[in-house]
Protein backbone atom coordinates (compact mmCIF):
# COMPACT_ATOMS: atom_id res chain seq x y z
CA UNK A 1 198.14 30.99 -47.11
CA UNK A 2 195.61 28.49 -48.29
CA UNK A 3 196.66 25.50 -50.10
CA UNK A 4 195.15 26.81 -53.39
CA UNK A 5 197.44 30.00 -52.78
CA UNK A 6 200.51 27.77 -52.44
CA UNK A 7 199.51 25.71 -55.66
CA UNK A 8 199.03 28.67 -57.69
CA UNK A 9 202.25 30.60 -56.71
CA UNK A 10 204.58 27.68 -56.87
CA UNK A 11 202.97 26.16 -60.01
CA UNK A 12 203.90 29.24 -62.04
CA UNK A 13 207.46 29.75 -60.95
CA UNK A 14 210.64 28.03 -62.07
CA UNK A 15 212.51 29.47 -59.31
CA UNK A 16 214.37 27.10 -56.90
CA UNK A 17 211.81 26.33 -54.12
CA UNK A 18 213.89 27.62 -51.35
CA UNK A 19 214.51 30.90 -53.16
CA UNK A 20 210.82 31.26 -53.61
CA UNK A 21 210.16 30.61 -49.90
CA UNK A 22 212.72 33.18 -49.02
CA UNK A 23 211.16 35.91 -51.19
CA UNK A 24 209.02 37.64 -48.54
CA UNK A 25 206.60 39.05 -51.24
CA UNK A 26 205.84 35.71 -53.03
CA UNK A 27 204.39 32.85 -50.90
CA UNK A 28 204.59 33.49 -47.24
CA UNK A 29 206.46 36.48 -44.87
CA UNK A 30 208.71 35.75 -42.26
CA UNK A 31 210.51 32.49 -43.71
CA UNK A 32 214.28 33.10 -43.05
CA UNK A 33 217.10 30.92 -44.10
CA UNK A 34 216.98 28.22 -41.39
CA UNK A 35 213.28 27.98 -41.43
CA UNK A 36 213.23 27.23 -45.17
CA UNK A 37 215.87 24.55 -44.78
CA UNK A 38 213.72 23.13 -41.79
CA UNK A 39 210.49 23.31 -44.07
CA UNK A 40 212.08 21.60 -46.97
CA UNK A 41 213.61 18.95 -44.97
CA UNK A 42 210.27 18.06 -43.18
CA UNK A 43 208.62 18.02 -46.49
CA UNK A 44 211.14 15.92 -48.25
CA UNK A 45 211.78 18.46 -51.05
CA UNK A 46 215.27 19.40 -52.48
CA UNK A 47 216.07 23.09 -52.08
CA UNK A 48 217.11 23.44 -55.83
CA UNK A 49 213.87 21.95 -57.10
CA UNK A 50 212.15 24.27 -59.58
CA UNK A 51 209.07 25.08 -57.93
CA UNK A 52 206.80 24.44 -61.02
CA UNK A 53 208.16 20.87 -60.98
CA UNK A 54 206.71 19.99 -57.55
CA UNK A 55 203.59 17.74 -57.50
CA UNK A 56 200.34 18.91 -55.76
CA UNK A 57 201.28 16.33 -52.98
CA UNK A 58 204.65 17.85 -52.49
CA UNK A 59 203.15 21.37 -52.30
CA UNK A 60 200.61 20.21 -49.82
CA UNK A 61 203.56 18.63 -47.87
CA UNK A 62 205.58 22.03 -48.01
CA UNK A 63 202.68 24.32 -46.80
CA UNK A 64 201.95 21.70 -44.00
CA UNK A 65 205.71 21.84 -43.16
CA UNK A 66 205.65 25.70 -42.95
CA UNK A 67 202.76 25.65 -40.56
CA UNK A 68 204.40 22.94 -38.44
CA UNK A 69 207.90 24.60 -38.26
CA UNK A 70 206.59 27.95 -37.49
CA UNK A 71 203.84 26.70 -35.13
CA UNK A 72 206.54 24.54 -33.22
CA UNK A 73 209.05 27.87 -32.99
CA UNK A 74 206.44 29.99 -31.51
CA UNK A 75 205.17 27.11 -29.12
CA UNK A 76 208.74 27.00 -27.80
CA UNK A 77 209.33 30.75 -27.79
CA UNK A 78 212.06 30.13 -30.46
CA UNK A 79 214.31 28.84 -27.69
CA UNK A 80 216.77 26.63 -29.98
CA UNK A 81 217.23 24.22 -26.82
CA UNK A 82 213.73 23.32 -26.88
CA UNK A 83 213.29 22.58 -30.77
CA UNK A 84 212.92 18.99 -31.33
CA UNK A 85 216.23 17.11 -31.10
CA UNK A 86 215.87 15.72 -34.59
CA UNK A 87 215.61 18.75 -36.32
CA UNK A 88 218.13 20.07 -39.11
CA UNK A 89 218.38 23.10 -37.13
CA UNK A 90 220.70 21.53 -34.49
CA UNK A 91 223.07 20.20 -37.11
CA UNK A 92 223.45 23.10 -39.53
CA UNK A 93 224.55 25.67 -37.09
CA UNK A 94 228.29 25.99 -36.13
CA UNK A 95 229.11 23.17 -38.52
CA UNK A 96 230.01 25.19 -41.38
CA UNK A 97 229.61 24.87 -45.16
CA UNK A 98 233.18 23.11 -45.53
CA UNK A 99 232.12 20.33 -43.11
CA UNK A 100 231.83 16.74 -44.25
CA UNK A 101 230.64 13.68 -42.61
CA UNK A 102 227.86 15.48 -40.83
CA UNK A 103 224.92 13.02 -40.00
CA UNK A 104 221.48 13.48 -38.52
CA UNK A 105 220.26 11.30 -35.72
CA UNK A 106 219.10 8.64 -38.13
CA UNK A 107 222.43 8.25 -39.74
CA UNK A 108 221.53 10.26 -43.14
CA UNK A 109 224.23 12.40 -44.36
CA UNK A 110 223.90 16.25 -44.18
CA UNK A 111 224.90 18.20 -47.23
CA UNK A 112 225.68 21.92 -47.69
CA UNK A 113 225.37 23.86 -50.77
CA UNK A 114 224.12 27.14 -52.30
CA UNK A 115 220.76 27.83 -53.67
CA UNK A 116 219.91 31.31 -55.13
CA UNK A 117 222.86 32.80 -53.42
CA UNK A 118 222.08 31.41 -50.13
CA UNK A 119 223.89 28.59 -47.81
CA UNK A 120 221.65 25.58 -47.70
CA UNK A 121 221.73 22.54 -45.70
CA UNK A 122 219.87 19.41 -46.87
CA UNK A 123 219.72 15.70 -46.69
CA UNK A 124 220.14 14.29 -50.35
CA UNK A 125 218.85 10.84 -49.22
CA UNK A 126 215.58 12.40 -48.04
CA UNK A 127 214.99 15.66 -50.03
CA UNK A 128 213.90 14.98 -53.63
CA UNK A 129 213.35 16.96 -56.82
CA UNK A 130 210.06 17.80 -58.17
CA UNK A 131 207.84 14.84 -58.82
CA UNK A 132 206.76 16.64 -62.15
CA UNK A 133 210.38 17.21 -63.42
CA UNK A 134 211.23 15.81 -66.90
CA UNK A 135 212.87 12.56 -66.42
CA UNK A 136 216.07 13.87 -67.90
CA UNK A 137 216.40 16.65 -65.27
CA UNK A 138 215.63 14.49 -62.11
CA UNK A 139 218.82 14.52 -59.85
CA UNK A 140 220.45 17.42 -61.76
CA UNK A 141 220.10 19.72 -58.74
CA UNK A 142 221.23 23.15 -59.14
CA UNK A 143 222.82 23.25 -55.74
CA UNK A 144 226.47 24.46 -55.82
CA UNK A 145 228.34 22.46 -53.35
CA UNK A 146 230.23 24.33 -50.62
CA UNK A 147 233.97 23.75 -50.69
């Protein structure tokens, strides 16, 4: 969808952005759990951020990330071995939600939680809440840690 569509849909929803991406009838069709995690990681957006708290810049980065992740997956025929080695994808599979100490190639810690009833993998040091969130809610992510 065009950036204007992304801005309109995300701007009027208080749903967590990951839940909104996974809703096949809201923003874009075909985004599954791993794609949503990868897109949010690339865009630097926390999966539990209420969509309507994202800045226009964050929404534009999110849209660009959707296009990049999907185009890259198509380019490599969705062959996991051919995905870029620094993708979150390679570190979220087979690790399990109870894992701790899982790091990305750059050394950043990977966290596991639940957003909207779905398991999510994210990098807290890189993925941030909406830039338009009220100051008292920033950092109070609605991510349920996996135990």
